[in-house]
Each structure stands twice: as structure tokens, then as C-alpha cells.
Protein backbone atom coordinates (compact mmCIF):
# COMPACT_ATOMS: atom_id res chain seq x y z
CA MET A 1 -21.47 3.55 -6.30
CA LYS A 2 -20.50 1.05 -8.96
CA PRO A 3 -17.68 3.18 -10.49
CA LEU A 4 -16.14 3.74 -7.05
CA LEU A 5 -16.36 0.06 -6.16
CA SER A 6 -14.70 -0.89 -9.44
CA LEU A 7 -11.90 1.58 -8.76
CA LEU A 8 -11.37 0.28 -5.25
CA LEU A 9 -11.26 -3.28 -6.49
CA ALA A 10 -8.72 -2.39 -9.17
CA ILE A 11 -6.48 -0.58 -6.67
CA THR A 12 -6.66 -2.92 -3.71
CA LEU A 13 -6.90 -6.43 -5.10
CA THR A 14 -3.17 -6.67 -5.83
CA GLY A 15 -2.66 -9.87 -3.85
CA CYS A 16 -4.49 -12.93 -2.69
CA ALA A 17 -6.71 -12.17 0.29
CA THR A 18 -7.16 -15.13 2.61
CA HIS A 19 -10.06 -13.58 4.54
CA ARG A 20 -12.95 -11.26 3.85
CA TYR A 21 -15.50 -9.32 5.85
CA MET A 22 -19.20 -10.04 5.89
CA PRO A 23 -21.95 -7.85 7.38
CA ALA A 24 -22.77 -8.74 10.95
CA PRO A 25 -26.27 -10.21 11.48
CA GLY A 26 -29.24 -7.94 12.09
CA GLN A 27 -28.33 -5.19 9.61
CA ASP A 28 -29.90 -3.89 6.43
CA VAL A 29 -27.89 -5.55 3.65
CA ILE A 30 -28.16 -4.99 -0.09
CA TYR A 31 -26.36 -7.18 -2.65
CA THR A 32 -24.95 -5.71 -5.85
CA ASN A 33 -23.31 -8.19 -8.23
CA GLY A 34 -22.55 -10.43 -5.27
CA SER A 35 -21.05 -7.67 -3.12
CA ALA A 36 -22.72 -7.27 0.28
CA MET A 37 -23.46 -3.61 1.00
CA THR A 38 -24.53 -2.62 4.51
CA LYS A 39 -27.00 0.25 4.68
CA SER A 40 -27.98 2.63 7.47
CA SER A 41 -30.68 5.24 6.92
CA MET A 42 -31.54 7.89 9.50
CA GLY A 43 -33.20 11.30 9.65
CA ARG A 44 -30.90 13.45 7.49
CA SER A 45 -28.38 10.98 6.13
CA LEU A 46 -27.81 7.64 4.49
CA VAL A 47 -24.65 5.52 4.78
CA TYR A 48 -23.50 2.53 2.75
CA ILE A 49 -20.36 0.50 3.53
CA THR A 50 -19.11 -2.35 1.34
CA PRO A 51 -16.18 -4.62 2.28
CA VAL A 52 -13.64 -4.66 -0.56
CA SER A 53 -10.53 -6.60 0.49
CA ILE A 54 -8.06 -7.56 3.20
CA TYR A 55 -4.43 -7.41 2.16
CA LYS A 56 -1.22 -7.37 4.21
CA GLY A 57 -3.08 -6.82 7.47
CA ARG A 58 -5.21 -3.93 6.22
CA ALA A 59 -8.85 -3.87 5.24
CA ARG A 60 -10.45 -1.74 2.54
CA PHE A 61 -14.09 -0.69 2.58
CA ALA A 62 -16.10 1.44 0.16
CA LEU A 63 -18.04 4.14 2.02
CA THR A 64 -20.79 6.34 0.59
CA VAL A 65 -22.54 9.04 2.62
CA GLY A 66 -25.75 10.56 1.26
CA ASN A 67 -27.58 13.72 2.27
CA LYS A 68 -31.36 13.20 2.44
CA SER A 69 -32.08 16.65 3.87
CA HIS A 70 -32.63 20.08 2.31
CA ALA A 71 -29.47 21.63 3.75
CA PRO A 72 -25.78 20.82 3.28
CA PHE A 73 -23.74 19.22 6.02
CA THR A 74 -20.06 18.40 6.43
CA VAL A 75 -18.68 14.99 7.33
CA TYR A 76 -15.21 15.30 8.83
CA ALA A 77 -12.58 12.61 8.47
CA ASN A 78 -12.46 12.12 12.24
CA GLN A 79 -16.22 11.46 12.29
CA VAL A 80 -15.60 8.05 10.76
CA THR A 81 -14.23 5.82 13.52
CA ALA A 82 -13.98 2.09 14.22
CA THR A 83 -13.62 -0.34 17.12
CA ASN A 84 -12.85 -4.04 17.32
CA GLU A 85 -14.71 -6.91 19.00
CA LEU A 86 -13.31 -5.80 22.39
CA GLY A 87 -14.48 -2.23 21.97
CA LYS A 88 -10.93 -0.95 21.45
CA PRO A 89 -10.22 1.66 18.75
CA VAL A 90 -9.19 0.43 15.32
CA LYS A 91 -6.99 2.74 13.29
CA VAL A 92 -8.69 4.33 10.30
CA TYR A 93 -6.03 5.79 8.01
CA THR A 94 -6.48 9.31 6.66
CA ALA A 95 -5.65 10.33 3.10
CA GLN A 96 -2.72 12.38 4.42
CA GLN A 97 -1.32 9.43 6.36
CA MET A 98 -1.55 7.15 3.33
CA GLU A 99 0.18 9.71 1.12
CA GLN A 100 2.98 10.32 3.63
CA GLU A 101 3.46 6.59 4.12
CA ALA A 102 3.72 6.05 0.35
CA ARG A 103 6.25 8.85 -0.13
CA THR A 104 8.37 7.71 2.82
CA ARG A 105 8.41 4.13 1.56
CA ALA A 106 9.41 5.30 -1.95
CA ASN A 107 12.19 7.52 -0.58
CA VAL A 108 13.67 4.71 1.50
CA MET A 109 13.61 2.33 -1.46
CA ALA A 110 15.17 4.95 -3.75
CA VAL A 111 18.03 5.62 -1.34
CA ALA A 112 18.68 1.90 -0.94
CA ALA A 113 18.68 1.43 -4.73
CA ALA A 114 21.09 4.35 -5.22
CA LEU A 115 23.49 3.05 -2.58
CA ASN A 116 23.42 -0.43 -4.08
CA ALA A 117 24.07 0.88 -7.59
CA GLY A 118 26.87 3.13 -6.35
CA GLY A 119 28.59 0.25 -4.59
CA GLN A 120 28.32 -2.00 -7.63
CA SER A 121 29.59 0.75 -9.95
CA LEU A 122 32.61 1.38 -7.74
CA SER A 123 33.44 -2.31 -7.74
CA ALA A 124 33.15 -2.43 -11.53
CA SER A 125 35.61 0.47 -11.85
CA LEU A 126 38.34 -1.26 -9.83
CA PRO A 127 40.95 -3.49 -11.48
CA ASP A 128 40.62 -7.25 -11.15
CA THR A 129 42.95 -8.70 -8.54
CA THR A 130 44.36 -12.20 -8.90
CA TYR A 131 46.08 -14.04 -6.07
CA HIS A 132 48.36 -16.86 -7.09
CA SER A 133 50.73 -19.23 -5.34
CA GLY A 134 52.60 -22.42 -6.03
CA SER A 135 55.70 -24.44 -5.42
CA ILE A 136 58.82 -25.52 -7.31
CA ASN A 137 60.40 -28.86 -6.70
CA THR A 138 63.77 -29.96 -8.03
CA GLN A 139 65.97 -32.90 -7.25
CA TYR A 140 67.85 -30.89 -4.68
CA SER A 141 65.41 -28.26 -3.38
CA HIS A 142 61.82 -27.23 -2.72
CA ALA A 143 60.51 -23.66 -2.86
CA THR A 144 57.11 -21.98 -2.65
CA TYR A 145 55.97 -18.67 -4.03
CA SER A 146 52.94 -16.38 -3.90
CA GLY A 147 52.00 -13.09 -5.48
CA VAL A 148 49.31 -10.66 -6.49
CA SER A 149 48.60 -9.31 -9.95
CA THR A 150 46.06 -6.79 -11.18
CA THR A 151 44.48 -6.31 -14.58
CA TYR A 152 42.15 -3.59 -15.81
CA SER A 153 39.93 -3.68 -18.87
CA PRO A 154 38.29 -0.33 -19.66
CA ALA A 155 35.84 -1.95 -22.06
CA ARG A 156 34.72 -4.61 -19.59
CA SER A 157 34.42 -2.00 -16.85
CA ALA A 158 32.28 0.23 -19.08
CA MET A 159 29.99 -2.67 -19.96
CA ALA A 160 29.58 -3.57 -16.29
CA ARG A 161 28.75 0.02 -15.35
CA GLN A 162 26.19 0.25 -18.16
CA ARG A 163 24.51 -2.93 -16.95
CA ILE A 164 24.42 -1.56 -13.40
CA ASN A 165 22.96 1.75 -14.63
CA ASP A 166 20.28 -0.09 -16.61
CA GLN A 167 19.34 -2.17 -13.56
CA ALA A 168 19.21 0.95 -11.38
CA ALA A 169 17.01 2.73 -13.92
CA GLY A 170 14.63 -0.23 -13.96
CA THR A 171 14.46 -0.26 -10.16
CA MET A 172 13.77 3.48 -10.00
CA SER A 173 11.04 3.12 -12.64
CA MET A 174 9.38 0.39 -10.57
CA ILE A 175 9.60 2.54 -7.41
CA SER A 176 8.02 5.46 -9.27
CA GLN A 177 5.22 3.27 -10.63
CA ASN A 178 4.48 1.85 -7.17
CA LEU A 179 4.43 5.35 -5.72
CA GLY A 180 1.96 6.44 -8.39
CA ASN A 181 -0.33 3.51 -7.54
CA ASP A 182 -0.11 4.25 -3.81
CA LEU A 183 -0.87 7.95 -4.34
CA GLU A 184 -3.82 7.05 -6.53
CA GLU A 185 -5.17 4.93 -3.69
CA ALA A 186 -4.61 7.78 -1.19
CA GLN A 187 -6.64 10.13 -3.41
CA VAL A 188 -9.80 8.05 -3.03
CA VAL A 189 -9.57 7.69 0.76
CA PHE A 190 -12.60 9.31 2.40
CA ASP A 191 -11.76 12.82 3.56
CA THR A 192 -13.59 15.82 5.03
CA THR A 193 -16.38 16.74 2.62
CA THR A 194 -19.43 18.98 2.54
CA ILE A 195 -22.33 17.07 1.03
CA LEU A 196 -25.04 19.07 -0.69
CA PRO A 197 -28.76 18.25 -0.38
CA LYS A 198 -29.84 15.13 -2.25
CA GLN A 199 -26.21 14.38 -3.12
CA ALA A 200 -23.82 11.63 -2.02
CA HIS A 201 -20.05 11.39 -1.56
CA PRO A 202 -18.05 8.15 -1.94
CA GLY A 203 -14.61 7.29 -0.58
CA MET A 204 -12.47 4.45 0.66
CA LEU A 205 -11.77 3.44 4.25
CA ILE A 206 -8.44 1.76 5.04
CA THR A 207 -8.19 0.19 8.49
CA LYS A 208 -6.44 -2.46 10.49
CA ALA A 209 -8.15 -5.83 10.10
CA PRO A 210 -9.43 -7.23 13.43
CA LYS A 211 -11.79 -10.20 13.75
CA GLU A 212 -14.73 -7.80 13.99
CA ILE A 213 -14.90 -4.16 13.00
CA HIS A 214 -17.65 -1.78 14.08
CA PHE A 215 -17.86 1.56 12.26
CA THR A 216 -19.42 4.72 13.63
CA VAL A 217 -20.18 7.39 11.01
CA THR A 218 -21.57 10.74 12.13
CA ALA A 219 -23.30 12.60 9.32
CA GLY A 220 -25.73 15.50 9.55
CA GLY A 221 -26.17 14.90 13.28
CA ASP A 222 -27.08 11.25 12.74
CA VAL A 223 -24.88 8.53 14.23
CA HIS A 224 -24.70 5.42 12.06
CA ARG A 225 -23.26 2.13 13.30
CA LEU A 226 -22.36 -0.63 10.87
CA SER A 227 -20.55 -3.85 11.75
CA PHE A 228 -18.61 -6.55 9.91
CA ILE A 229 -17.17 -9.93 10.85
CA LYS A 230 -14.09 -11.49 9.28
CA SER A 231 -14.65 -14.87 7.68
CA LYS A 232 -12.78 -17.30 5.47
């Protein structure tokens, strides 16, 4: 479990979390390097859940399901559910939802960046317009004037467009890097898996972050319930 926990920490701890989850009282808790791991052991299966982080309204937990029996069983993604302190369902994001969300966010940002760069490039290609006005006073008369003049510098326009292109390239590179990080996170989200005898399967749970969260994990016919409370 240590390699998975390290990966989850590296992926999710990208900002300062102001809260964290602790195991609710009355559960079997194991500490590993200061991390509280809640354990549930039943007839055919064993479940561990470790709180990892809370960031931007979402909580991350490391989940490991072990098979203690002599026959394989499958744990489906929809067999890992959660409720809050009022007994209402808490959303548990699937790997597919996280991937789709990441790609949609990247596409929206890319379109916005392209539109912004296009608008700036068009402006850089237009001639500079100068508005001027003034007045002439003589001993015998007073007159005012106004006018518009335009100037165009191909060299200055080319330099401006190059700067805009460089900025756009930097923005697109950042969007691509963020998408890669988000897709990497989606790949470790717990998904439907057949677990062989005496083997275990790890994955990440991403949920909303209520005051209390109560997980139900059905594995090999066993129903595990593990609870956590948000604290400072």
C-alpha cells in the first residue's frame, strides 16, 4: 500500500488543505508513518481506507481491497458508495467521470486561449490610429481642427505577433501538462476489478467532502462500512 499512498499524495497534494478526515471512533485503525488507515476484515475480504487530502471541495482516499478466500471475486465500481452525516448519498467519482471532466476542462481552456490569441493577433496586424485636435489663435481669428492619421510598421507588427504566438504556445503547453496530470489521477481511481485469491487491489476514491463520510464497500459478498469525520 505504501507505493499507492505515495502516488496519491504526489497527485493530490497540489494545494493547501484546510481540513482533513480522521477515522470515526470505534473502528479498527492502523497507523503507517503517521497516516491513519481504517481496516475492516470479514469472511472473504479485507478493506483498508486511508484519508489522503481535501482540496477544492473534494476528498481523496486510498482504498485497498484484499481477497482472503480461495476463489476470485469482482468488486464493481458501483459497489463502493458513500453517505454523509444525514444519511444522504455522497458522490463518488468514477474513473470515466474524472477523465471526461479533465478533457472537457482542457478543451474549454484551449478554445479560450485560441480565441484570445486570435483577437490579440488581429489587433497587432492593424495600423495604429492617432486622433489629434487643436486650435489656432491669431490676432483676428480663432479656429479649431481635428483629424485622424494611421501608421503601420510591419516590423513592429511582426514582433507583436511573435510575442502573442509565444504566449499562446506557453498557455497551450500548460493546459497540456495539467491535462496529463489530471489523466494520471483518473488512471488510479478505483474501478471494477476481479481480485484473485490472496491478492489485493488498490485504487483512489474521489468524493465530495461532507462533515462526515460513511463508506460502504461490498466485496466477495461481504459488506464493509468505514467512517470518517472531518477535522481541522
